[in-house]
């Protein structure tokens, strides 16, 4: 577990790409993944810090894309289902509604939704399926959650547009055997941090392994 302020009220790293962000008196959860294995072969190296049922009150759940290690439907069904959920596609929204969430919104890149004093903006991401990142902003303080994007020119644009106080960046360099780079490498994350100009950068998407050696 790691607690980092970066000008916001608090961030708790739960595991992999799952984080609790406190901003504007609200609790945001990113990309929930609690139960192994994802894809039948991906598992946590270290168990999440809490069970999904022990997260307590949630105001907003942000899901960057429909991969099992970012959108864990079993875990979602055990969380506070009064939370609003923001996702990237209508297909994923239907799945989330199916486990009991009534307030589910779909955002396209550059679209915004406001929760209390916090504005959530969807930003561009690059992955092997459709994905978005999120910028949470309240006044001069903001958090950029990158999901598991690969490095792209969008990173510099996000830095210029939002000047995030804190950035949560993937850094495990996931690629399947013979496949393209799917996620930022550590070196990519360092370059992204420079382009974003954040005071604090937090590593993410760096605590899982494939049990299948072919993967």
Protein backbone atom coordinates (compact mmCIF):
# COMPACT_ATOMS: atom_id res chain seq x y z
CA UNK A 1 0.00 0.00 0.00
CA UNK A 2 1.21 3.50 -0.79
CA UNK A 3 -0.29 6.84 0.19
CA UNK A 4 0.74 9.82 -1.91
CA UNK A 5 -0.76 13.33 -1.81
CA UNK A 6 0.54 15.14 -4.91
CA UNK A 7 -1.71 18.07 -4.05
CA UNK A 8 -4.87 15.96 -3.81
CA UNK A 9 -6.54 14.69 -0.67
CA UNK A 10 -5.13 11.19 -0.97
CA UNK A 11 -4.38 8.23 -3.20
CA UNK A 12 -4.30 4.60 -2.07
CA UNK A 13 -2.76 2.03 -4.39
CA UNK A 14 -4.92 -1.07 -3.96
CA UNK A 15 -3.18 -3.25 -6.55
CA UNK A 16 -2.28 -3.37 -10.25
CA UNK A 17 -4.36 -0.54 -11.83
CA UNK A 18 -6.82 -0.27 -8.95
CA UNK A 19 -6.51 2.92 -6.89
CA UNK A 20 -8.68 4.89 -4.50
CA UNK A 21 -8.44 8.62 -5.17
CA UNK A 22 -9.90 11.12 -2.70
CA UNK A 23 -10.65 14.49 -4.28
CA UNK A 24 -13.27 17.12 -3.53
CA UNK A 25 -14.63 15.07 -0.66
CA UNK A 26 -15.42 12.17 -3.01
CA UNK A 27 -13.92 8.68 -3.33
CA UNK A 28 -13.04 7.52 -6.84
CA UNK A 29 -12.00 3.92 -7.65
CA UNK A 30 -10.04 3.18 -10.83
CA UNK A 31 -10.04 0.02 -12.96
CA UNK A 32 -11.12 -2.61 -10.40
CA UNK A 33 -9.41 -6.00 -10.56
CA UNK A 34 -9.46 -8.26 -7.50
CA UNK A 35 -10.03 -11.86 -8.57
CA UNK A 36 -7.54 -14.11 -10.37
CA UNK A 37 -7.00 -15.23 -12.98
CA UNK A 38 -7.83 -12.60 -15.58
CA UNK A 39 -7.93 -14.02 -19.12
CA UNK A 40 -7.41 -17.44 -17.50
CA UNK A 41 -3.68 -16.79 -17.16
CA UNK A 42 -2.99 -13.40 -15.51
CA UNK A 43 -2.61 -13.19 -11.74
CA UNK A 44 -1.56 -10.71 -9.08
CA UNK A 45 1.97 -11.13 -7.74
CA UNK A 46 0.71 -9.57 -4.52
CA UNK A 47 -2.91 -9.70 -3.36
CA UNK A 48 -4.94 -6.47 -3.46
CA UNK A 49 -4.79 -4.43 -0.26
CA UNK A 50 -8.47 -4.99 0.55
CA UNK A 51 -11.39 -7.14 -0.55
CA UNK A 52 -13.88 -5.42 -2.86
CA UNK A 53 -16.56 -5.79 -0.18
CA UNK A 54 -14.33 -3.89 2.28
CA UNK A 55 -13.82 -0.77 0.15
CA UNK A 56 -16.68 1.03 1.88
CA UNK A 57 -18.54 3.99 0.41
CA UNK A 58 -17.64 4.73 -3.21
CA UNK A 59 -18.83 7.77 -5.11
CA UNK A 60 -17.48 7.07 -8.61
CA UNK A 61 -15.87 4.06 -10.31
CA UNK A 62 -13.79 4.80 -13.42
CA UNK A 63 -13.15 1.98 -15.90
CA UNK A 64 -10.76 2.69 -18.76
CA UNK A 65 -11.55 -0.35 -20.92
CA UNK A 66 -13.10 -3.78 -21.04
CA UNK A 67 -10.20 -6.06 -20.13
CA UNK A 68 -10.60 -8.49 -17.24
CA UNK A 69 -7.73 -6.95 -15.25
CA UNK A 70 -9.45 -3.53 -15.39
CA UNK A 71 -13.16 -4.40 -15.35
CA UNK A 72 -13.65 -7.22 -12.84
CA UNK A 73 -17.41 -7.84 -12.89
CA UNK A 74 -17.31 -10.32 -10.02
CA UNK A 75 -15.61 -7.71 -7.82
CA UNK A 76 -17.93 -4.94 -8.99
CA UNK A 77 -20.93 -6.98 -7.85
CA UNK A 78 -19.51 -6.92 -4.30
CA UNK A 79 -18.92 -3.14 -4.15
CA UNK A 80 -21.09 -0.16 -3.24
CA UNK A 81 -23.54 -0.23 -6.14
CA UNK A 82 -24.87 3.26 -5.34
CA UNK A 83 -21.65 4.55 -6.95
CA UNK A 84 -21.76 6.20 -10.34
CA UNK A 85 -19.69 4.36 -12.96
CA UNK A 86 -17.94 5.87 -15.98
CA UNK A 87 -16.82 3.61 -18.83
CA UNK A 88 -15.59 3.87 -22.42
CA UNK A 89 -18.19 1.89 -24.42
CA UNK A 90 -21.88 1.13 -24.31
CA UNK A 91 -21.07 -2.60 -24.41
CA UNK A 92 -19.17 -2.32 -21.14
CA UNK A 93 -21.90 -0.11 -19.68
CA UNK A 94 -24.44 -2.88 -20.28
CA UNK A 95 -22.24 -5.38 -18.42
CA UNK A 96 -21.85 -3.02 -15.45
CA UNK A 97 -25.59 -2.36 -15.31
CA UNK A 98 -26.04 -6.12 -15.36
CA UNK A 99 -24.32 -6.50 -11.97
CA UNK A 100 -26.54 -3.91 -10.33
CA UNK A 101 -25.24 -0.39 -11.00
CA UNK A 102 -27.99 2.05 -11.96
CA UNK A 103 -25.90 5.12 -12.80
CA UNK A 104 -23.51 4.21 -15.65
CA UNK A 105 -22.20 6.78 -18.13
CA UNK A 106 -20.19 6.37 -21.34
CA UNK A 107 -17.63 9.06 -22.15
CA UNK A 108 -15.86 9.60 -25.46
CA UNK A 109 -12.50 11.37 -25.63
CA UNK A 110 -12.82 15.04 -24.55
CA UNK A 111 -16.25 14.51 -23.00
CA UNK A 112 -16.73 15.55 -19.38
CA UNK A 113 -18.92 14.67 -16.43
CA UNK A 114 -19.08 16.53 -13.13
CA UNK A 115 -19.42 14.93 -9.70
CA UNK A 116 -19.77 17.49 -6.93
CA UNK A 117 -16.77 19.81 -7.32
CA UNK A 118 -14.78 17.34 -9.46
CA UNK A 119 -14.82 17.31 -13.26
CA UNK A 120 -13.90 14.00 -14.92
CA UNK A 121 -12.64 14.28 -18.51
CA UNK A 122 -12.02 11.32 -20.80
CA UNK A 123 -8.66 11.54 -22.58
CA UNK A 124 -7.05 9.60 -25.39
CA UNK A 125 -5.31 6.27 -24.76
CA UNK A 126 -3.58 3.73 -27.00
CA UNK A 127 -4.14 0.01 -26.45
CA UNK A 128 -5.14 -3.12 -28.39
CA UNK A 129 -8.83 -2.42 -27.75
CA UNK A 130 -10.75 0.83 -27.27
CA UNK A 131 -9.58 2.59 -24.12
CA UNK A 132 -9.72 6.01 -22.49
CA UNK A 133 -7.79 7.63 -19.67
CA UNK A 134 -9.28 10.00 -17.11
CA UNK A 135 -8.34 13.41 -15.72
CA UNK A 136 -10.01 14.32 -12.43
CA UNK A 137 -9.86 18.06 -11.75
CA UNK A 138 -10.90 20.30 -8.90
CA UNK A 139 -9.68 23.86 -9.11
CA UNK A 140 -5.94 23.86 -9.74
CA UNK A 141 -5.50 20.26 -8.59
CA UNK A 142 -5.88 17.32 -10.95
CA UNK A 143 -5.13 13.61 -11.26
CA UNK A 144 -4.38 11.85 -14.54
CA UNK A 145 -5.13 8.12 -14.55
CA UNK A 146 -3.66 6.57 -17.70
CA UNK A 147 -5.21 3.09 -17.55
CA UNK A 148 -2.73 0.84 -19.36
CA UNK A 149 -1.99 2.95 -22.39
CA UNK A 150 1.10 2.59 -24.53
CA UNK A 151 3.20 5.69 -25.13
CA UNK A 152 1.68 8.05 -27.69
CA UNK A 153 1.63 11.73 -28.74
CA UNK A 154 -1.52 12.11 -26.62
CA UNK A 155 0.59 12.15 -23.47
CA UNK A 156 2.21 15.50 -24.31
CA UNK A 157 -1.20 16.96 -25.20
CA UNK A 158 -2.62 15.84 -21.85
CA UNK A 159 0.28 17.53 -20.08
CA UNK A 160 -0.20 20.77 -21.99
CA UNK A 161 -3.98 20.82 -21.60
CA UNK A 162 -4.47 19.65 -18.01
CA UNK A 163 -1.09 20.08 -16.26
CA UNK A 164 -1.94 17.20 -13.90
CA UNK A 165 -0.76 17.59 -10.31
CA UNK A 166 -0.44 13.82 -9.97
CA UNK A 167 -0.17 11.20 -12.72
CA UNK A 168 -0.79 7.46 -12.31
CA UNK A 169 1.12 5.71 -15.09
CA UNK A 170 1.38 2.06 -16.19
CA UNK A 171 4.94 0.79 -16.42
CA UNK A 172 5.19 -2.98 -16.86
CA UNK A 173 5.65 -2.95 -20.63
CA UNK A 174 3.13 -5.74 -21.29
CA UNK A 175 3.45 -7.45 -24.63
CA UNK A 176 2.35 -10.90 -25.67
CA UNK A 177 4.85 -13.20 -27.36
CA UNK A 178 5.27 -12.02 -30.94
CA UNK A 179 2.86 -9.13 -30.39
CA UNK A 180 3.04 -5.37 -30.29
CA UNK A 181 3.82 -3.27 -27.23
CA UNK A 182 0.53 -2.86 -25.35
CA UNK A 183 1.54 -0.87 -22.27
CA UNK A 184 4.20 1.71 -21.40
CA UNK A 185 7.60 0.33 -20.46
CA UNK A 186 9.42 1.82 -17.45
CA UNK A 187 11.42 4.01 -19.85
CA UNK A 188 8.20 5.13 -21.54
CA UNK A 189 6.72 6.03 -18.17
CA UNK A 190 9.76 8.16 -17.33
CA UNK A 191 9.41 10.03 -20.63
CA UNK A 192 5.67 10.39 -20.07
CA UNK A 193 6.31 11.84 -16.62
CA UNK A 194 8.58 14.47 -18.16
CA UNK A 195 5.98 15.39 -20.77
CA UNK A 196 3.17 15.57 -18.20
CA UNK A 197 5.15 17.74 -15.78
CA UNK A 198 3.37 16.34 -12.72
CA UNK A 199 4.76 17.05 -9.24
CA UNK A 200 4.08 13.45 -8.26
CA UNK A 201 4.00 10.31 -10.44
CA UNK A 202 2.71 6.98 -9.17
CA UNK A 203 3.47 3.61 -10.84
CA UNK A 204 0.59 1.37 -11.86
CA UNK A 205 -0.04 -1.82 -13.85
CA UNK A 206 3.16 -3.41 -12.55
CA UNK A 207 2.09 -6.24 -10.25
CA UNK A 208 0.84 -9.09 -12.40
CA UNK A 209 2.30 -12.07 -14.20
CA UNK A 210 1.16 -14.57 -16.84
CA UNK A 211 1.10 -18.15 -15.65
CA UNK A 212 1.08 -19.31 -19.28
CA UNK A 213 4.68 -19.15 -20.59
CA UNK A 214 3.43 -18.73 -24.16
CA UNK A 215 1.79 -15.44 -23.11
